[in-house]
Amino acid sequence: MGWYKSDGSALFDFDAAITSNTTIKAKWLEGFVTVAAGTYDGSAALTPASSVFISGRTVQISALYVCEHEVTQGEYETYCKYGGSSPSDTNGKGANFPAYHVSWYDAIVYCNIRSKAEGLTPVYKIGTETDPTKWSDIVSGTGAAAGKYCGPSSDNTTWDGMTFDTTANGYRLPTEAEWEYIARNKNTASYTYSGSDTIGEVAWYKENSGNKTHEIKTTSKANGLGIYDMSGNVFEWCWDWYGTINESTPSTGPAPGSQRVLRGGSMVDDVTGCSVYFQGTYIPRYGDVTFGFRVVRSAN
C-alpha cells in the first residue's frame, strides 16, 4: 500500500515486484488513507437516513486514496491564488489551516495543476485540454502570486461543461456518494457525525470554534478510517451537480444544474449542518469563508 513503480504509475504488489526484479522507487502517499471499493445495492436503508444512498439506487464506489485532511492553505497556495478574499487571522490563517474562500472552479484548477506537477494524469478536461493554464478565462496571479492561478469569478458555461476522466490517476474532488461513503466509514457506521455521535469530538462547529477555522487534525478524534474534519471546520466541495436523486441517478450524481454540492458543514454551522447526511449547495464560481475542499485519487 502506498508505493509506486519507477515510472510513477499506480500502486502495485510490492512482493511480486521484488520477485520479478522490477525496478522500483519508493514514494509514500503521505497524508492519504486507502479506502476499499464498495457497492450500495439500494436494498437497505442507512442510519441516519441518506438522500444519496436511497432505496432502489445502486451506487458503485471505486477504491480510493483519500487525503486525511482538508487541503491546507500551505498546499493550496503552492499552486493557486485566491480569486477574491484571502484567509485572515480573524477566520484562521496559516500553512496548516484549511484553505477557504475557494470556489469549485478554484478547487478544480488546484487538482489539475497539482496532478501535472507530480507527474500524474489530470482528471478534468475542457474539450481535450487538461492544462488549466490553457483554459479560457483562467485567472493568473501577479506580483507575489505570479505563476499561480484560480478560476473565473463569473458564471462560466465552458467550465461548467468540463468532463471527468474516471480512468485518470490525478487528484480530484470526491463525488457526493464517495464523500458520504468515506464519512460513514464505508457505510458501516451509524454515527450522526463523521466518527462520533458527540459532535465536539470530531468537529469544529459553531459551539466550539469561536467562529473561525482551526488547524487540520486538531479535533480529539478522526473518523473510523483515520480521516479528520469531515464534519465541521470548512465545507468540502464535491464533483456533483445538485439535483434530484432517484433510482436511475448515476454514481457520479444527477444531470447538470446550476449549483454544485458541498458537504460536511463548517465552523459556523450547527449540528445539522455538520451531519453526515446534510447537503449544502452553491454556485461553482463563488468562494465563501466557509468553503474549502478535500482531494482524493482513484486507486484502481
C-alpha atoms as a PDB file:
ATOM      1  CA  MET A   1       0.000   0.000   0.000  1.00  0.00           C
ATOM      2  CA  GLY A   2       1.272   3.450  -0.880  1.00  0.00           C
ATOM      3  CA  TRP A   3       4.066   2.531  -3.356  1.00  0.00           C
ATOM      4  CA  TYR A   4       4.764   3.466  -6.959  1.00  0.00           C
ATOM      5  CA  LYS A   5       6.619   1.952  -9.877  1.00  0.00           C
ATOM      6  CA  SER A   6       9.617   3.926 -11.104  1.00  0.00           C
ATOM      7  CA  ASP A   7       7.508   5.384 -13.924  1.00  0.00           C
ATOM      8  CA  GLY A   8       5.113   6.928 -11.410  1.00  0.00           C
ATOM      9  CA  SER A   9       2.189   4.677 -12.286  1.00  0.00           C
ATOM     10  CA  ALA A  10      -0.397   3.330  -9.835  1.00  0.00           C
ATOM     11  CA  LEU A  11       0.237   1.141  -6.808  1.00  0.00           C
ATOM     12  CA  PHE A  12       1.272  -2.464  -7.294  1.00  0.00           C
ATOM     13  CA  ASP A  13       2.058  -5.647  -5.368  1.00  0.00           C
ATOM     14  CA  PHE A  14       5.378  -4.919  -3.665  1.00  0.00           C
ATOM     15  CA  ASP A  15       6.268  -8.558  -3.048  1.00  0.00           C
ATOM     16  CA  ALA A  16       5.507  -9.513  -6.642  1.00  0.00           C
ATOM     17  CA  ALA A  17       7.652  -6.643  -7.871  1.00  0.00           C
ATOM     18  CA  ILE A  18      10.639  -7.891  -5.891  1.00  0.00           C
ATOM     19  CA  THR A  19      10.106 -11.432  -7.174  1.00  0.00           C
ATOM     20  CA  SER A  20      10.085 -10.204 -10.773  1.00  0.00           C
ATOM     21  CA  ASN A  21      13.062  -7.867 -10.222  1.00  0.00           C
ATOM     22  CA  THR A  22      11.021  -4.798 -11.175  1.00  0.00           C
ATOM     23  CA  THR A  23      12.936  -1.555 -10.644  1.00  0.00           C
ATOM     24  CA  ILE A  24      11.073   0.490  -8.075  1.00  0.00           C
ATOM     25  CA  LYS A  25      11.130   3.898  -6.489  1.00  0.00           C
ATOM     26  CA  ALA A  26       9.509   4.204  -3.075  1.00  0.00           C
ATOM     27  CA  LYS A  27       7.186   7.161  -2.696  1.00  0.00           C
ATOM     28  CA  TRP A  28       4.899   7.029   0.311  1.00  0.00           C
ATOM     29  CA  LEU A  29       1.479   8.566  -0.128  1.00  0.00           C
ATOM     30  CA  GLU A  30       1.925  10.737   2.923  1.00  0.00           C
ATOM     31  CA  GLY A  31      -1.305  12.047   4.376  1.00  0.00           C
ATOM     32  CA  PHE A  32      -3.548   9.683   2.392  1.00  0.00           C
ATOM     33  CA  VAL A  33      -5.667   6.753   3.526  1.00  0.00           C
ATOM     34  CA  THR A  34      -6.570   3.835   1.248  1.00  0.00           C
ATOM     35  CA  VAL A  35     -10.321   3.225   1.214  1.00  0.00           C
ATOM     36  CA  ALA A  36     -11.602  -0.025  -0.276  1.00  0.00           C
ATOM     37  CA  ALA A  37     -14.218  -0.137  -3.012  1.00  0.00           C
ATOM     38  CA  GLY A  38     -17.833  -0.850  -2.199  1.00  0.00           C
ATOM     39  CA  THR A  39     -21.292  -1.192  -3.715  1.00  0.00           C
ATOM     40  CA  TYR A  40     -24.576   0.031  -2.275  1.00  0.00           C
ATOM     41  CA  ASP A  41     -27.331  -2.012  -3.872  1.00  0.00           C
ATOM     42  CA  GLY A  42     -30.283   0.023  -2.643  1.00  0.00           C
ATOM     43  CA  SER A  43     -31.763  -2.797  -0.564  1.00  0.00           C
ATOM     44  CA  ALA A  44     -31.134  -1.476   2.949  1.00  0.00           C
ATOM     45  CA  ALA A  45     -31.680   1.973   4.440  1.00  0.00           C
ATOM     46  CA  LEU A  46     -28.746   3.647   6.167  1.00  0.00           C
ATOM     47  CA  THR A  47     -28.924   5.136   9.653  1.00  0.00           C
ATOM     48  CA  PRO A  48     -29.094   8.098   9.835  1.00  0.00           C
ATOM     49  CA  ALA A  49     -31.134   8.316   6.631  1.00  0.00           C
ATOM     50  CA  SER A  50     -29.344   9.374   3.442  1.00  0.00           C
ATOM     51  CA  SER A  51     -30.534  11.282   0.389  1.00  0.00           C
ATOM     52  CA  VAL A  52     -27.726   9.710  -1.676  1.00  0.00           C
ATOM     53  CA  PHE A  53     -27.868   6.046  -0.687  1.00  0.00           C
ATOM     54  CA  ILE A  54     -31.568   5.533  -1.251  1.00  0.00           C
ATOM     55  CA  SER A  55     -33.847   2.584  -1.862  1.00  0.00           C
ATOM     56  CA  GLY A  56     -33.508   1.186  -5.378  1.00  0.00           C
ATOM     57  CA  ARG A  57     -30.373   3.130  -6.320  1.00  0.00           C
ATOM     58  CA  THR A  58     -27.206   1.145  -6.974  1.00  0.00           C
ATOM     59  CA  VAL A  59     -24.056   3.146  -6.265  1.00  0.00           C
ATOM     60  CA  GLN A  60     -20.588   1.911  -7.173  1.00  0.00           C
ATOM     61  CA  ILE A  61     -17.651   3.265  -5.146  1.00  0.00           C
ATOM     62  CA  SER A  62     -14.194   2.577  -6.562  1.00  0.00           C
ATOM     63  CA  ALA A  63     -11.113   2.113  -4.395  1.00  0.00           C
ATOM     64  CA  LEU A  64      -9.706   5.486  -3.380  1.00  0.00           C
ATOM     65  CA  TYR A  65      -6.756   7.228  -1.826  1.00  0.00           C
ATOM     66  CA  VAL A  66      -8.348   9.841   0.418  1.00  0.00           C
ATOM     67  CA  CYS A  67      -6.490  12.775   1.933  1.00  0.00           C
ATOM     68  CA  GLU A  68      -6.775  12.508   5.702  1.00  0.00           C
ATOM     69  CA  HIS A  69      -7.153  16.288   5.957  1.00  0.00           C
ATOM     70  CA  GLU A  70      -8.778  19.166   4.129  1.00  0.00           C
ATOM     71  CA  VAL A  71      -6.467  20.896   1.648  1.00  0.00           C
ATOM     72  CA  THR A  72      -4.445  23.377   3.681  1.00  0.00           C
ATOM     73  CA  GLN A  73      -3.594  26.964   2.899  1.00  0.00           C
ATOM     74  CA  GLY A  74       0.038  25.928   2.500  1.00  0.00           C
ATOM     75  CA  GLU A  75      -0.872  23.232  -0.021  1.00  0.00           C
ATOM     76  CA  TYR A  76      -3.325  25.423  -1.920  1.00  0.00           C
ATOM     77  CA  GLU A  77      -1.028  28.430  -2.160  1.00  0.00           C
ATOM     78  CA  THR A  78       1.756  26.313  -3.674  1.00  0.00           C
ATOM     79  CA  TYR A  79      -0.185  26.292  -6.948  1.00  0.00           C
ATOM     80  CA  CYS A  80      -3.147  28.641  -6.690  1.00  0.00           C
ATOM     81  CA  LYS A  81      -4.234  32.138  -5.737  1.00  0.00           C
ATOM     82  CA  TYR A  82      -7.471  33.299  -4.163  1.00  0.00           C
ATOM     83  CA  GLY A  83      -9.988  34.826  -6.521  1.00  0.00           C
ATOM     84  CA  GLY A  84     -11.467  37.280  -4.041  1.00  0.00           C
ATOM     85  CA  SER A  85     -10.919  37.465  -0.292  1.00  0.00           C
ATOM     86  CA  SER A  86      -7.946  35.678   1.257  1.00  0.00           C
ATOM     87  CA  PRO A  87      -7.662  33.880   4.586  1.00  0.00           C
ATOM     88  CA  SER A  88      -7.297  36.190   7.580  1.00  0.00           C
ATOM     89  CA  ASP A  89      -6.265  35.940  11.212  1.00  0.00           C
ATOM     90  CA  THR A  90      -9.894  36.604  12.107  1.00  0.00           C
ATOM     91  CA  ASN A  91     -11.038  33.433  10.338  1.00  0.00           C
ATOM     92  CA  GLY A  92      -7.906  31.330  10.803  1.00  0.00           C
ATOM     93  CA  LYS A  93      -4.686  31.829   8.865  1.00  0.00           C
ATOM     94  CA  GLY A  94      -1.566  29.700   8.483  1.00  0.00           C
ATOM     95  CA  ALA A  95       0.013  26.901   6.480  1.00  0.00           C
ATOM     96  CA  ASN A  96      -1.823  24.170   8.432  1.00  0.00           C
ATOM     97  CA  PHE A  97      -5.235  25.824   8.443  1.00  0.00           C
ATOM     98  CA  PRO A  98      -7.721  24.639   5.803  1.00  0.00           C
ATOM     99  CA  ALA A  99      -7.852  26.684   2.613  1.00  0.00           C
ATOM    100  CA  TYR A 100     -11.078  28.686   2.310  1.00  0.00           C
ATOM    101  CA  HIS A 101     -12.509  31.409   0.083  1.00  0.00           C
ATOM    102  CA  VAL A 102     -12.080  28.678  -2.548  1.00  0.00           C
ATOM    103  CA  SER A 103     -14.683  28.259  -5.300  1.00  0.00           C
ATOM    104  CA  TRP A 104     -15.486  24.986  -7.038  1.00  0.00           C
ATOM    105  CA  TYR A 105     -13.680  26.338 -10.099  1.00  0.00           C
ATOM    106  CA  ASP A 106     -10.612  27.101  -7.955  1.00  0.00           C
ATOM    107  CA  ALA A 107     -10.605  23.597  -6.488  1.00  0.00           C
ATOM    108  CA  ILE A 108     -10.652  22.073  -9.989  1.00  0.00           C
ATOM    109  CA  VAL A 109      -7.696  24.243 -11.027  1.00  0.00           C
ATOM    110  CA  TYR A 110      -5.750  23.094  -7.970  1.00  0.00           C
ATOM    111  CA  CYS A 111      -6.438  19.424  -8.669  1.00  0.00           C
ATOM    112  CA  ASN A 112      -5.184  19.505 -12.243  1.00  0.00           C
ATOM    113  CA  ILE A 113      -2.180  21.749 -11.627  1.00  0.00           C
ATOM    114  CA  ARG A 114      -1.015  19.638  -8.682  1.00  0.00           C
ATOM    115  CA  SER A 115      -1.530  16.465 -10.713  1.00  0.00           C
ATOM    116  CA  LYS A 116       0.642  17.792 -13.537  1.00  0.00           C
ATOM    117  CA  ALA A 117       3.306  18.967 -11.077  1.00  0.00           C
ATOM    118  CA  GLU A 118       3.547  15.464  -9.596  1.00  0.00           C
ATOM    119  CA  GLY A 119       3.566  13.615 -12.914  1.00  0.00           C
ATOM    120  CA  LEU A 120       0.037  12.263 -12.579  1.00  0.00           C
ATOM    121  CA  THR A 121      -2.692  12.237 -15.218  1.00  0.00           C
ATOM    122  CA  PRO A 122      -5.079  15.174 -14.650  1.00  0.00           C
ATOM    123  CA  VAL A 123      -8.704  14.211 -14.148  1.00  0.00           C
ATOM    124  CA  TYR A 124     -10.565  17.225 -15.517  1.00  0.00           C
ATOM    125  CA  LYS A 125     -10.840  18.293 -19.154  1.00  0.00           C
ATOM    126  CA  ILE A 126     -12.324  21.200 -21.042  1.00  0.00           C
ATOM    127  CA  GLY A 127     -12.634  19.755 -24.512  1.00  0.00           C
ATOM    128  CA  THR A 128      -9.433  17.722 -24.748  1.00  0.00           C
ATOM    129  CA  GLU A 129      -7.280  20.110 -22.711  1.00  0.00           C
ATOM    130  CA  THR A 130      -6.206  19.096 -19.199  1.00  0.00           C
ATOM    131  CA  ASP A 131      -3.832  22.008 -18.511  1.00  0.00           C
ATOM    132  CA  PRO A 132      -5.826  24.680 -16.642  1.00  0.00           C
ATOM    133  CA  THR A 133      -3.340  27.382 -17.624  1.00  0.00           C
ATOM    134  CA  LYS A 134      -4.599  26.917 -21.188  1.00  0.00           C
ATOM    135  CA  TRP A 135      -8.304  27.054 -20.343  1.00  0.00           C
ATOM    136  CA  SER A 136     -10.167  30.154 -21.424  1.00  0.00           C
ATOM    137  CA  ASP A 137     -10.877  32.590 -18.582  1.00  0.00           C
ATOM    138  CA  ILE A 138      -8.244  31.139 -16.245  1.00  0.00           C
ATOM    139  CA  VAL A 139      -7.055  33.885 -13.891  1.00  0.00           C
ATOM    140  CA  SER A 140      -3.298  34.213 -13.425  1.00  0.00           C
ATOM    141  CA  GLY A 141      -1.666  35.947 -10.488  1.00  0.00           C
ATOM    142  CA  THR A 142       0.644  38.942 -10.452  1.00  0.00           C
ATOM    143  CA  GLY A 143       3.256  40.173  -8.013  1.00  0.00           C
ATOM    144  CA  ALA A 144       3.659  37.757  -5.124  1.00  0.00           C
ATOM    145  CA  ALA A 145       1.055  35.474  -6.734  1.00  0.00           C
ATOM    146  CA  ALA A 146       2.816  35.311 -10.115  1.00  0.00           C
ATOM    147  CA  GLY A 147       2.725  31.794 -11.569  1.00  0.00           C
ATOM    148  CA  LYS A 148      -0.340  30.874  -9.554  1.00  0.00           C
ATOM    149  CA  TYR A 149      -3.907  30.579 -10.786  1.00  0.00           C
ATOM    150  CA  CYS A 150      -7.582  30.471  -9.893  1.00  0.00           C
ATOM    151  CA  GLY A 151     -10.850  30.003 -11.722  1.00  0.00           C
ATOM    152  CA  PRO A 152     -13.155  32.658 -13.170  1.00  0.00           C
ATOM    153  CA  SER A 153     -15.223  34.780 -10.819  1.00  0.00           C
ATOM    154  CA  SER A 154     -18.251  34.809 -13.131  1.00  0.00           C
ATOM    155  CA  ASP A 155     -20.585  32.002 -14.153  1.00  0.00           C
ATOM    156  CA  ASN A 156     -18.904  30.155 -16.986  1.00  0.00           C
ATOM    157  CA  THR A 157     -20.748  27.669 -19.181  1.00  0.00           C
ATOM    158  CA  THR A 158     -17.493  26.398 -20.694  1.00  0.00           C
ATOM    159  CA  TRP A 159     -16.109  25.488 -17.297  1.00  0.00           C
ATOM    160  CA  ASP A 160     -19.468  24.076 -16.231  1.00  0.00           C
ATOM    161  CA  GLY A 161     -19.249  21.701 -19.186  1.00  0.00           C
ATOM    162  CA  MET A 162     -15.900  20.194 -18.235  1.00  0.00           C
ATOM    163  CA  THR A 163     -15.641  16.423 -18.101  1.00  0.00           C
ATOM    164  CA  PHE A 164     -14.266  13.979 -15.549  1.00  0.00           C
ATOM    165  CA  ASP A 165     -11.881  11.231 -16.721  1.00  0.00           C
ATOM    166  CA  THR A 166     -12.658   8.316 -14.421  1.00  0.00           C
ATOM    167  CA  THR A 167      -9.525   6.443 -15.583  1.00  0.00           C
ATOM    168  CA  ALA A 168      -7.053   9.205 -14.631  1.00  0.00           C
ATOM    169  CA  ASN A 169      -4.893   8.808 -11.511  1.00  0.00           C
ATOM    170  CA  GLY A 170      -4.595  12.502 -10.614  1.00  0.00           C
ATOM    171  CA  TYR A 171      -6.094  14.490  -7.772  1.00  0.00           C
ATOM    172  CA  ARG A 172      -9.786  15.225  -7.849  1.00  0.00           C
ATOM    173  CA  LEU A 173     -12.808  16.110  -5.763  1.00  0.00           C
ATOM    174  CA  PRO A 174     -14.815  13.178  -4.423  1.00  0.00           C
ATOM    175  CA  THR A 175     -18.242  12.582  -5.829  1.00  0.00           C
ATOM    176  CA  GLU A 176     -21.000  13.197  -3.310  1.00  0.00           C
ATOM    177  CA  ALA A 177     -21.540   9.448  -2.903  1.00  0.00           C
ATOM    178  CA  GLU A 178     -17.803   8.909  -2.336  1.00  0.00           C
ATOM    179  CA  TRP A 179     -17.735  11.713   0.213  1.00  0.00           C
ATOM    180  CA  GLU A 180     -20.630  10.241   2.193  1.00  0.00           C
ATOM    181  CA  TYR A 181     -19.270   6.694   1.921  1.00  0.00           C
ATOM    182  CA  ILE A 182     -15.992   7.914   3.454  1.00  0.00           C
ATOM    183  CA  ALA A 183     -17.745   9.997   6.115  1.00  0.00           C
ATOM    184  CA  ARG A 184     -19.823   6.966   7.135  1.00  0.00           C
ATOM    185  CA  ASN A 185     -16.750   4.690   7.390  1.00  0.00           C
ATOM    186  CA  LYS A 186     -17.517   2.839   4.139  1.00  0.00           C
ATOM    187  CA  ASN A 187     -21.234   2.899   5.060  1.00  0.00           C
ATOM    188  CA  THR A 188     -20.602   0.751   8.145  1.00  0.00           C
ATOM    189  CA  ALA A 189     -21.093   3.426  10.839  1.00  0.00           C
ATOM    190  CA  SER A 190     -24.375   4.853  12.095  1.00  0.00           C
ATOM    191  CA  TYR A 191     -22.918   7.980  13.698  1.00  0.00           C
ATOM    192  CA  THR A 192     -24.640  11.310  13.090  1.00  0.00           C
ATOM    193  CA  TYR A 193     -21.254  12.990  12.533  1.00  0.00           C
ATOM    194  CA  SER A 194     -18.219  11.546  10.842  1.00  0.00           C
ATOM    195  CA  GLY A 195     -16.737   9.355  13.565  1.00  0.00           C
ATOM    196  CA  SER A 196     -18.974  10.070  16.545  1.00  0.00           C
ATOM    197  CA  ASP A 197     -22.411  10.925  17.857  1.00  0.00           C
ATOM    198  CA  THR A 198     -20.706  13.561  20.032  1.00  0.00           C
ATOM    199  CA  ILE A 199     -20.046  16.395  17.626  1.00  0.00           C
ATOM    200  CA  GLY A 200     -17.378  18.106  19.727  1.00  0.00           C
ATOM    201  CA  GLU A 201     -15.107  15.058  19.424  1.00  0.00           C
ATOM    202  CA  VAL A 202     -14.838  15.257  15.646  1.00  0.00           C
ATOM    203  CA  ALA A 203     -15.851  18.749  14.507  1.00  0.00           C
ATOM    204  CA  TRP A 204     -15.049  22.424  14.802  1.00  0.00           C
ATOM    205  CA  TYR A 205     -18.543  23.906  14.635  1.00  0.00           C
ATOM    206  CA  LYS A 206     -20.358  26.984  15.879  1.00  0.00           C
ATOM    207  CA  GLU A 207     -20.403  25.972  19.540  1.00  0.00           C
ATOM    208  CA  ASN A 208     -16.674  25.291  19.938  1.00  0.00           C
ATOM    209  CA  SER A 209     -14.852  27.037  17.064  1.00  0.00           C
ATOM    210  CA  GLY A 210     -15.004  30.671  18.121  1.00  0.00           C
ATOM    211  CA  ASN A 211     -16.384  31.282  14.601  1.00  0.00           C
ATOM    212  CA  LYS A 212     -13.016  30.585  12.982  1.00  0.00           C
ATOM    213  CA  THR A 213     -11.285  27.674  11.313  1.00  0.00           C
ATOM    214  CA  HIS A 214      -8.752  25.566  13.187  1.00  0.00           C
ATOM    215  CA  GLU A 215      -5.603  23.795  12.071  1.00  0.00           C
ATOM    216  CA  ILE A 216      -6.179  20.416  10.466  1.00  0.00           C
ATOM    217  CA  LYS A 217      -6.241  17.260  12.588  1.00  0.00           C
ATOM    218  CA  THR A 218      -6.782  19.102  15.883  1.00  0.00           C
ATOM    219  CA  THR A 219     -10.117  17.547  16.846  1.00  0.00           C
ATOM    220  CA  SER A 220      -9.819  14.871  19.508  1.00  0.00           C
ATOM    221  CA  LYS A 221     -10.837  12.087  17.120  1.00  0.00           C
ATOM    222  CA  ALA A 222     -10.630  11.115  13.472  1.00  0.00           C
ATOM    223  CA  ASN A 223     -13.365   9.012  11.937  1.00  0.00           C
ATOM    224  CA  GLY A 224     -13.091   5.243  11.727  1.00  0.00           C
ATOM    225  CA  LEU A 225     -10.850   5.453   8.653  1.00  0.00           C
ATOM    226  CA  GLY A 226      -8.380   7.850  10.263  1.00  0.00           C
ATOM    227  CA  ILE A 227      -9.746  10.867   8.362  1.00  0.00           C
ATOM    228  CA  TYR A 228     -10.230  14.235  10.055  1.00  0.00           C
ATOM    229  CA  ASP A 229     -12.657  17.152   9.748  1.00  0.00           C
ATOM    230  CA  MET A 230     -15.270  15.526   7.557  1.00  0.00           C
ATOM    231  CA  SER A 231     -17.677  17.208   9.942  1.00  0.00           C
ATOM    232  CA  GLY A 232     -17.083  20.919  10.514  1.00  0.00           C
ATOM    233  CA  ASN A 233     -14.114  23.276  10.010  1.00  0.00           C
ATOM    234  CA  VAL A 234     -14.915  24.062   6.338  1.00  0.00           C
ATOM    235  CA  PHE A 235     -17.486  22.793   3.883  1.00  0.00           C
ATOM    236  CA  GLU A 236     -15.977  20.497   1.225  1.00  0.00           C
ATOM    237  CA  TRP A 237     -16.805  20.793  -2.469  1.00  0.00           C
ATOM    238  CA  CYS A 238     -17.858  17.621  -4.289  1.00  0.00           C
ATOM    239  CA  TRP A 239     -17.863  16.956  -8.032  1.00  0.00           C
ATOM    240  CA  ASP A 240     -21.634  16.566  -8.322  1.00  0.00           C
ATOM    241  CA  TRP A 241     -24.245  18.972  -9.502  1.00  0.00           C
ATOM    242  CA  TYR A 242     -27.083  19.396  -7.040  1.00  0.00           C
ATOM    243  CA  GLY A 243     -30.350  17.940  -8.277  1.00  0.00           C
ATOM    244  CA  THR A 244     -32.932  15.223  -7.904  1.00  0.00           C
ATOM    245  CA  ILE A 245     -31.510  11.845  -6.891  1.00  0.00           C
ATOM    246  CA  ASN A 246     -33.587   8.796  -7.724  1.00  0.00           C
ATOM    247  CA  GLU A 247     -33.139   5.130  -8.591  1.00  0.00           C
ATOM    248  CA  SER A 248     -31.652   5.875 -12.015  1.00  0.00           C
ATOM    249  CA  THR A 249     -29.177   8.590 -10.949  1.00  0.00           C
ATOM    250  CA  PRO A 250     -25.615   7.509 -11.852  1.00  0.00           C
ATOM    251  CA  SER A 251     -22.950   7.184  -9.161  1.00  0.00           C
ATOM    252  CA  THR A 252     -21.384  10.473 -10.297  1.00  0.00           C
ATOM    253  CA  GLY A 253     -24.554  12.391  -9.487  1.00  0.00           C
ATOM    254  CA  PRO A 254     -27.526  13.977 -11.250  1.00  0.00           C
ATOM    255  CA  ALA A 255     -27.628  15.799 -14.568  1.00  0.00           C
ATOM    256  CA  PRO A 256     -26.062  19.287 -14.839  1.00  0.00           C
ATOM    257  CA  GLY A 257     -27.768  22.048 -12.917  1.00  0.00           C
ATOM    258  CA  SER A 258     -26.776  25.444 -11.556  1.00  0.00           C
ATOM    259  CA  GLN A 259     -25.151  24.571  -8.218  1.00  0.00           C
ATOM    260  CA  ARG A 260     -22.509  22.101  -7.030  1.00  0.00           C
ATOM    261  CA  VAL A 261     -22.700  20.083  -3.833  1.00  0.00           C
ATOM    262  CA  LEU A 262     -20.906  20.999  -0.598  1.00  0.00           C
ATOM    263  CA  ARG A 263     -20.653  18.563   2.307  1.00  0.00           C
ATOM    264  CA  GLY A 264     -19.651  18.371   5.953  1.00  0.00           C
ATOM    265  CA  GLY A 265     -20.586  21.731   7.417  1.00  0.00           C
ATOM    266  CA  SER A 266     -18.255  24.387   8.777  1.00  0.00           C
ATOM    267  CA  MET A 267     -17.017  26.239  11.819  1.00  0.00           C
ATOM    268  CA  VAL A 268     -20.156  28.408  11.848  1.00  0.00           C
ATOM    269  CA  ASP A 269     -22.689  25.635  11.266  1.00  0.00           C
ATOM    270  CA  ASP A 270     -24.956  23.931  13.758  1.00  0.00           C
ATOM    271  CA  VAL A 271     -25.270  20.231  14.479  1.00  0.00           C
ATOM    272  CA  THR A 272     -27.489  19.538  11.474  1.00  0.00           C
ATOM    273  CA  GLY A 273     -25.157  21.237   9.003  1.00  0.00           C
ATOM    274  CA  CYS A 274     -22.221  19.128  10.215  1.00  0.00           C
ATOM    275  CA  SER A 275     -24.006  15.782   9.937  1.00  0.00           C
ATOM    276  CA  VAL A 276     -23.023  13.027   7.503  1.00  0.00           C
ATOM    277  CA  TYR A 277     -26.287  13.435   5.587  1.00  0.00           C
ATOM    278  CA  PHE A 278     -26.641  17.213   5.214  1.00  0.00           C
ATOM    279  CA  GLN A 279     -26.371  18.580   1.652  1.00  0.00           C
ATOM    280  CA  GLY A 280     -25.094  22.089   1.077  1.00  0.00           C
ATOM    281  CA  THR A 281     -25.062  23.672  -2.387  1.00  0.00           C
ATOM    282  CA  TYR A 282     -23.746  26.780  -4.056  1.00  0.00           C
ATOM    283  CA  ILE A 283     -22.857  28.248  -7.440  1.00  0.00           C
ATOM    284  CA  PRO A 284     -19.443  26.988  -8.585  1.00  0.00           C
ATOM    285  CA  ARG A 285     -17.865  30.403  -9.147  1.00  0.00           C
ATOM    286  CA  TYR A 286     -18.281  31.521  -5.543  1.00  0.00           C
ATOM    287  CA  GLY A 287     -15.728  31.117  -2.764  1.00  0.00           C
ATOM    288  CA  ASP A 288     -17.005  31.708   0.759  1.00  0.00           C
ATOM    289  CA  VAL A 289     -15.201  31.949   4.098  1.00  0.00           C
ATOM    290  CA  THR A 290     -16.715  28.533   4.892  1.00  0.00           C
ATOM    291  CA  PHE A 291     -15.883  26.804   1.566  1.00  0.00           C
ATOM    292  CA  GLY A 292     -12.852  24.531   1.259  1.00  0.00           C
ATOM    293  CA  PHE A 293     -12.199  21.074  -0.172  1.00  0.00           C
ATOM    294  CA  ARG A 294     -10.532  17.689   0.194  1.00  0.00           C
ATOM    295  CA  VAL A 295      -8.821  15.698  -2.554  1.00  0.00           C
ATOM    296  CA  VAL A 296      -8.946  12.027  -3.417  1.00  0.00           C
ATOM    297  CA  ARG A 297      -7.314   9.867  -6.074  1.00  0.00           C
ATOM    298  CA  SER A 298      -8.657   6.799  -7.836  1.00  0.00           C
ATOM    299  CA  ALA A 299      -6.773   3.691  -6.660  1.00  0.00           C
ATOM    300  CA  ASN A 300      -7.731   1.295  -9.456  1.00  0.00           C
END
